[in-house]
N, C-alpha and C. Protein backbone atom coordinates (compact mmCIF):
# COMPACT_ATOMS: atom_id res chain seq x y z
N MET A 1 64.66 -23.25 -93.32
CA MET A 1 64.26 -22.40 -94.44
C MET A 1 62.97 -22.25 -94.67
N TYR A 2 62.88 -20.61 -95.30
CA TYR A 2 61.56 -20.71 -95.76
C TYR A 2 60.59 -21.22 -96.77
N TYR A 3 61.50 -21.76 -97.65
CA TYR A 3 60.97 -22.32 -98.15
C TYR A 3 60.06 -23.63 -97.44
N LYS A 4 60.82 -23.98 -96.91
CA LYS A 4 59.93 -25.32 -96.02
C LYS A 4 58.54 -25.19 -95.44
N ARG A 5 58.84 -24.00 -94.97
CA ARG A 5 57.21 -23.11 -94.35
C ARG A 5 56.49 -22.81 -95.58
N LEU A 6 56.86 -22.52 -96.72
CA LEU A 6 55.85 -22.11 -97.62
C LEU A 6 55.11 -23.82 -98.17
N ARG A 7 55.79 -24.74 -98.47
CA ARG A 7 55.28 -25.56 -98.63
C ARG A 7 54.20 -26.41 -96.92
N GLU A 8 54.80 -25.79 -96.18
CA GLU A 8 53.83 -26.75 -95.25
C GLU A 8 52.44 -25.93 -94.89
N LEU A 9 52.91 -24.28 -94.91
CA LEU A 9 51.30 -23.95 -95.08
C LEU A 9 50.50 -24.44 -96.01
N ARG A 10 51.44 -24.57 -97.57
CA ARG A 10 50.26 -24.74 -99.09
C ARG A 10 49.73 -25.91 -98.37
N GLU A 11 50.07 -27.29 -97.97
CA GLU A 11 49.86 -28.25 -97.57
C GLU A 11 48.84 -28.41 -96.82
N ASP A 12 49.07 -27.70 -96.12
CA ASP A 12 48.14 -27.50 -94.28
C ASP A 12 46.83 -27.16 -94.65
N LYS A 13 46.73 -26.27 -95.98
CA LYS A 13 45.52 -25.47 -96.32
C LYS A 13 44.72 -26.75 -97.24
N ASP A 14 45.65 -27.95 -97.54
CA ASP A 14 45.13 -28.71 -98.79
C ASP A 14 45.20 -28.03 -100.15
N LEU A 15 45.87 -27.19 -100.69
CA LEU A 15 46.13 -26.46 -101.57
C LEU A 15 47.51 -26.94 -103.13
N SER A 16 46.94 -26.76 -104.43
CA SER A 16 47.81 -27.14 -104.55
C SER A 16 48.92 -25.38 -105.37
N GLN A 17 50.25 -25.80 -105.77
CA GLN A 17 50.52 -25.49 -106.01
C GLN A 17 49.74 -23.84 -107.28
N LYS A 18 49.24 -24.58 -108.27
CA LYS A 18 48.53 -23.87 -109.30
C LYS A 18 47.80 -22.79 -108.40
N GLU A 19 47.18 -23.35 -107.30
CA GLU A 19 46.22 -22.63 -106.58
C GLU A 19 47.00 -21.20 -105.26
N VAL A 20 47.76 -21.21 -105.04
CA VAL A 20 49.13 -20.46 -104.61
C VAL A 20 49.28 -19.61 -105.22
N ALA A 21 49.88 -20.17 -106.85
CA ALA A 21 50.02 -19.34 -107.72
C ALA A 21 49.36 -18.37 -108.04
N GLY A 22 48.47 -18.90 -108.68
CA GLY A 22 47.36 -17.70 -108.64
C GLY A 22 46.55 -16.65 -107.56
N LEU A 23 46.65 -17.26 -106.60
CA LEU A 23 45.89 -16.16 -105.96
C LEU A 23 47.77 -14.82 -105.66
N LEU A 24 48.79 -14.95 -106.33
CA LEU A 24 50.05 -13.80 -106.65
C LEU A 24 49.64 -13.32 -107.12
N GLY A 25 49.25 -14.49 -108.58
CA GLY A 25 49.43 -13.61 -110.04
C GLY A 25 50.95 -14.41 -110.40
N ILE A 26 50.96 -15.64 -110.32
CA ILE A 26 52.36 -15.55 -111.20
C ILE A 26 51.56 -17.19 -111.63
N ASP A 27 53.01 -17.88 -112.32
CA ASP A 27 53.28 -19.38 -113.12
C ASP A 27 53.19 -19.87 -112.12
N GLN A 28 51.82 -21.32 -112.05
CA GLN A 28 52.96 -22.38 -111.12
C GLN A 28 54.39 -22.79 -110.72
N ARG A 29 55.13 -22.73 -111.95
CA ARG A 29 56.72 -23.02 -111.97
C ARG A 29 57.01 -21.75 -111.44
N VAL A 30 57.05 -20.81 -110.96
CA VAL A 30 57.81 -19.69 -110.41
C VAL A 30 57.00 -20.01 -109.26
N TYR A 31 56.32 -20.05 -108.82
CA TYR A 31 55.86 -20.52 -107.26
C TYR A 31 56.72 -21.74 -106.89
N SER A 32 56.73 -22.63 -108.00
CA SER A 32 57.22 -24.00 -107.68
C SER A 32 59.03 -23.76 -107.07
N ASN A 33 59.24 -22.34 -108.09
CA ASN A 33 60.66 -22.60 -107.36
C ASN A 33 61.05 -21.81 -106.08
N TYR A 34 60.20 -21.01 -105.44
CA TYR A 34 60.06 -20.69 -104.11
C TYR A 34 59.86 -21.55 -102.97
N GLU A 35 59.30 -22.59 -103.36
CA GLU A 35 58.92 -23.73 -102.54
C GLU A 35 60.54 -24.76 -102.32
N THR A 36 61.10 -24.69 -103.49
CA THR A 36 62.52 -25.46 -103.72
C THR A 36 63.51 -24.84 -103.32
N GLY A 37 62.80 -23.65 -103.27
CA GLY A 37 64.55 -22.66 -103.12
C GLY A 37 65.22 -22.77 -103.95
N LYS A 38 64.57 -22.67 -105.44
CA LYS A 38 65.80 -21.80 -105.84
C LYS A 38 65.47 -20.39 -106.65
N ARG A 39 64.67 -19.97 -106.17
CA ARG A 39 64.58 -18.78 -105.65
C ARG A 39 64.34 -17.70 -105.35
N GLU A 40 64.36 -17.40 -104.71
CA GLU A 40 64.01 -16.49 -103.38
C GLU A 40 62.97 -15.63 -103.89
N ILE A 41 62.28 -15.36 -102.54
CA ILE A 41 60.39 -14.91 -102.85
C ILE A 41 60.29 -13.62 -102.85
N PRO A 42 60.04 -12.72 -103.14
CA PRO A 42 60.18 -11.36 -102.93
C PRO A 42 58.90 -11.20 -102.39
N SER A 43 59.58 -10.14 -100.90
CA SER A 43 58.66 -10.33 -100.21
C SER A 43 57.22 -9.78 -99.80
N ARG A 44 57.16 -8.97 -101.06
CA ARG A 44 55.62 -8.62 -101.86
C ARG A 44 54.73 -9.88 -101.15
N TYR A 45 55.02 -11.06 -102.10
CA TYR A 45 54.42 -12.00 -101.69
C TYR A 45 55.26 -12.32 -100.65
N LEU A 46 55.80 -12.44 -99.80
CA LEU A 46 55.61 -13.14 -98.22
C LEU A 46 54.66 -12.36 -97.76
N SER A 47 54.24 -11.03 -98.01
CA SER A 47 53.16 -10.02 -97.25
C SER A 47 52.03 -10.74 -97.40
N VAL A 48 51.81 -10.89 -98.52
CA VAL A 48 50.16 -11.49 -99.45
C VAL A 48 49.89 -12.78 -98.33
N LEU A 49 50.93 -14.10 -98.80
CA LEU A 49 51.01 -14.87 -98.36
C LEU A 49 50.51 -15.09 -96.83
N ALA A 50 51.30 -14.55 -96.17
CA ALA A 50 51.05 -14.52 -94.41
C ALA A 50 49.54 -13.69 -94.23
N ASP A 51 49.16 -13.08 -94.66
CA ASP A 51 47.75 -12.67 -94.58
C ASP A 51 46.94 -14.00 -95.02
N TYR A 52 47.30 -14.55 -95.94
CA TYR A 52 46.18 -15.26 -96.81
C TYR A 52 46.76 -16.49 -95.42
N TYR A 53 47.87 -16.86 -95.03
CA TYR A 53 47.52 -17.88 -93.77
C TYR A 53 47.36 -17.19 -92.55
N ASN A 54 47.05 -16.01 -92.62
CA ASN A 54 47.27 -15.29 -90.93
C ASN A 54 48.42 -16.12 -89.83
N VAL A 55 49.40 -15.81 -90.74
CA VAL A 55 50.45 -16.15 -89.66
C VAL A 55 51.68 -14.43 -90.14
N SER A 56 52.73 -14.39 -89.14
CA SER A 56 53.63 -13.38 -90.16
C SER A 56 54.14 -13.45 -90.77
N VAL A 57 55.34 -12.85 -91.20
CA VAL A 57 56.16 -13.02 -92.28
C VAL A 57 57.06 -13.51 -91.52
N ASP A 58 57.44 -13.14 -90.38
CA ASP A 58 58.76 -13.74 -90.00
C ASP A 58 58.67 -15.02 -88.85
N TYR A 59 57.17 -15.02 -89.18
CA TYR A 59 57.34 -17.29 -89.23
C TYR A 59 57.45 -17.82 -90.35
N ILE A 60 56.83 -16.87 -91.75
CA ILE A 60 57.16 -17.95 -93.27
C ILE A 60 58.50 -18.25 -93.26
N ILE A 61 59.94 -16.82 -92.59
CA ILE A 61 61.13 -16.73 -92.59
C ILE A 61 61.89 -17.00 -91.66
N GLY A 62 61.18 -18.28 -90.74
CA GLY A 62 61.79 -19.38 -89.73
C GLY A 62 61.98 -18.20 -88.47
N ARG A 63 61.79 -16.78 -88.29
CA ARG A 63 62.26 -16.16 -87.10
C ARG A 63 61.68 -16.75 -85.61
N VAL A 64 60.67 -16.71 -86.19
CA VAL A 64 59.62 -17.23 -85.19
C VAL A 64 59.39 -18.69 -85.25
N ASP A 65 58.16 -19.58 -84.26
CA ASP A 65 57.99 -20.48 -84.35
C ASP A 65 56.32 -20.11 -84.14
């Protein structure tokens, strides 16, 4: 699931949820819901994170390894 990749990418960069939430301009609690799968992450945020982590959106959502 995509939410596992979100967490792995964040942890690989030694970032907190608050730091990633700040990058997206959202509250940490909202971002936490994306990482736990409680809420689906909007595509506009997927694009920002893919660029930030230098991976494809397909990688984040699990379509490619």
